[in-house]
Amino acid sequence: MQGTITLERQGWWLVEEDDTSTIYFVHHSSIPASTNLHTGDRIDFDVAPNPMKPGFVMAVNVVRIYRTPRGPRQAVNHGR
């Protein structure tokens, strides 16, 4: 299956599958250690039972196939 990351949080993401628009949970343990996913990234994945939530499935064997371009980081002004 393929899909697009629609939400990113620390250690987990949501991916919307292309064909059915089904949303799947992605846990950091399902991606290679050197990879960090971001909203808009495209991934290839399989679906398997979610061991943390019986009766639900999650994305596993995740491989990023397209990395959304990142712009230059903006300086943050903290009112100083």
Protein backbone atom coordinates (compact mmCIF):
# COMPACT_ATOMS: atom_id res chain seq x y z
CA MET A 1 0.00 0.00 0.00
CA GLN A 2 1.00 3.60 -0.43
CA GLY A 3 -0.12 6.75 1.30
CA THR A 4 0.69 10.23 2.57
CA ILE A 5 1.58 11.26 6.12
CA THR A 6 -1.23 13.55 7.31
CA LEU A 7 -0.28 14.08 10.95
CA GLU A 8 3.02 13.94 12.82
CA ARG A 9 3.62 13.77 16.53
CA GLN A 10 6.65 12.79 18.56
CA GLY A 11 7.09 9.07 17.95
CA TRP A 12 4.00 8.45 15.83
CA TRP A 13 2.20 9.52 12.65
CA LEU A 14 -1.02 9.02 10.72
CA VAL A 15 -0.97 7.96 7.09
CA GLU A 16 -3.88 8.22 4.62
CA GLU A 17 -3.87 5.27 2.25
CA ASP A 18 -4.22 6.28 -1.42
CA ASP A 19 -6.92 3.92 -2.71
CA THR A 20 -9.45 3.99 0.13
CA SER A 21 -8.45 7.12 2.12
CA THR A 22 -8.30 4.89 5.20
CA ILE A 23 -6.20 6.39 8.01
CA TYR A 24 -3.61 4.14 9.65
CA PHE A 25 -1.49 4.66 12.75
CA VAL A 26 2.31 4.52 12.27
CA HIS A 27 4.49 3.87 15.33
CA HIS A 28 8.16 4.85 15.35
CA SER A 29 9.07 1.17 15.72
CA SER A 30 7.64 0.58 12.20
CA ILE A 31 10.16 2.82 10.44
CA PRO A 32 13.94 2.52 10.00
CA ALA A 33 15.90 4.05 12.91
CA SER A 34 17.52 6.75 10.76
CA THR A 35 14.20 7.92 9.27
CA ASN A 36 11.94 10.69 10.53
CA LEU A 37 8.63 11.20 8.74
CA HIS A 38 6.95 14.56 8.16
CA THR A 39 3.52 15.70 6.99
CA GLY A 40 3.33 15.31 3.22
CA ASP A 41 5.90 12.51 2.99
CA ARG A 42 4.85 9.55 0.85
CA ILE A 43 5.35 6.04 2.21
CA ASP A 44 4.96 2.43 1.17
CA PHE A 45 3.65 0.17 3.95
CA ASP A 46 1.91 -3.04 4.96
CA VAL A 47 -0.91 -3.39 7.47
CA ALA A 48 -0.80 -5.70 10.50
CA PRO A 49 -2.62 -6.11 13.83
CA ASN A 50 -1.76 -3.41 16.36
CA PRO A 51 -0.29 -5.20 19.42
CA MET A 52 -0.92 -2.11 21.56
CA LYS A 53 -4.61 -1.95 20.62
CA PRO A 54 -6.21 -5.38 20.06
CA GLY A 55 -8.81 -5.43 17.29
CA PHE A 56 -7.13 -2.57 15.39
CA VAL A 57 -4.51 -2.55 12.63
CA MET A 58 -1.53 -0.29 11.99
CA ALA A 59 1.02 0.47 9.28
CA VAL A 60 4.18 -1.65 9.44
CA ASN A 61 7.25 -2.22 7.23
CA VAL A 62 7.19 1.48 6.40
CA VAL A 63 9.52 2.80 3.67
CA ARG A 64 9.58 6.48 2.72
CA ILE A 65 9.30 6.81 -1.07
CA TYR A 66 9.12 10.61 -1.26
CA ARG A 67 10.37 13.23 1.18
CA THR A 68 8.49 16.51 1.19
CA PRO A 69 10.98 19.33 0.53
CA ARG A 70 11.83 21.33 3.64
CA GLY A 71 12.34 25.08 3.47
CA PRO A 72 14.99 26.92 5.43
CA ARG A 73 14.34 27.02 9.14
CA GLN A 74 12.83 30.26 10.35
CA ALA A 75 14.39 32.06 13.30
CA VAL A 76 12.09 32.15 16.30
CA ASN A 77 11.69 35.51 18.01
CA HIS A 78 10.93 35.08 21.69
CA GLY A 79 10.31 38.79 22.26
CA ARG A 80 13.94 39.59 23.06
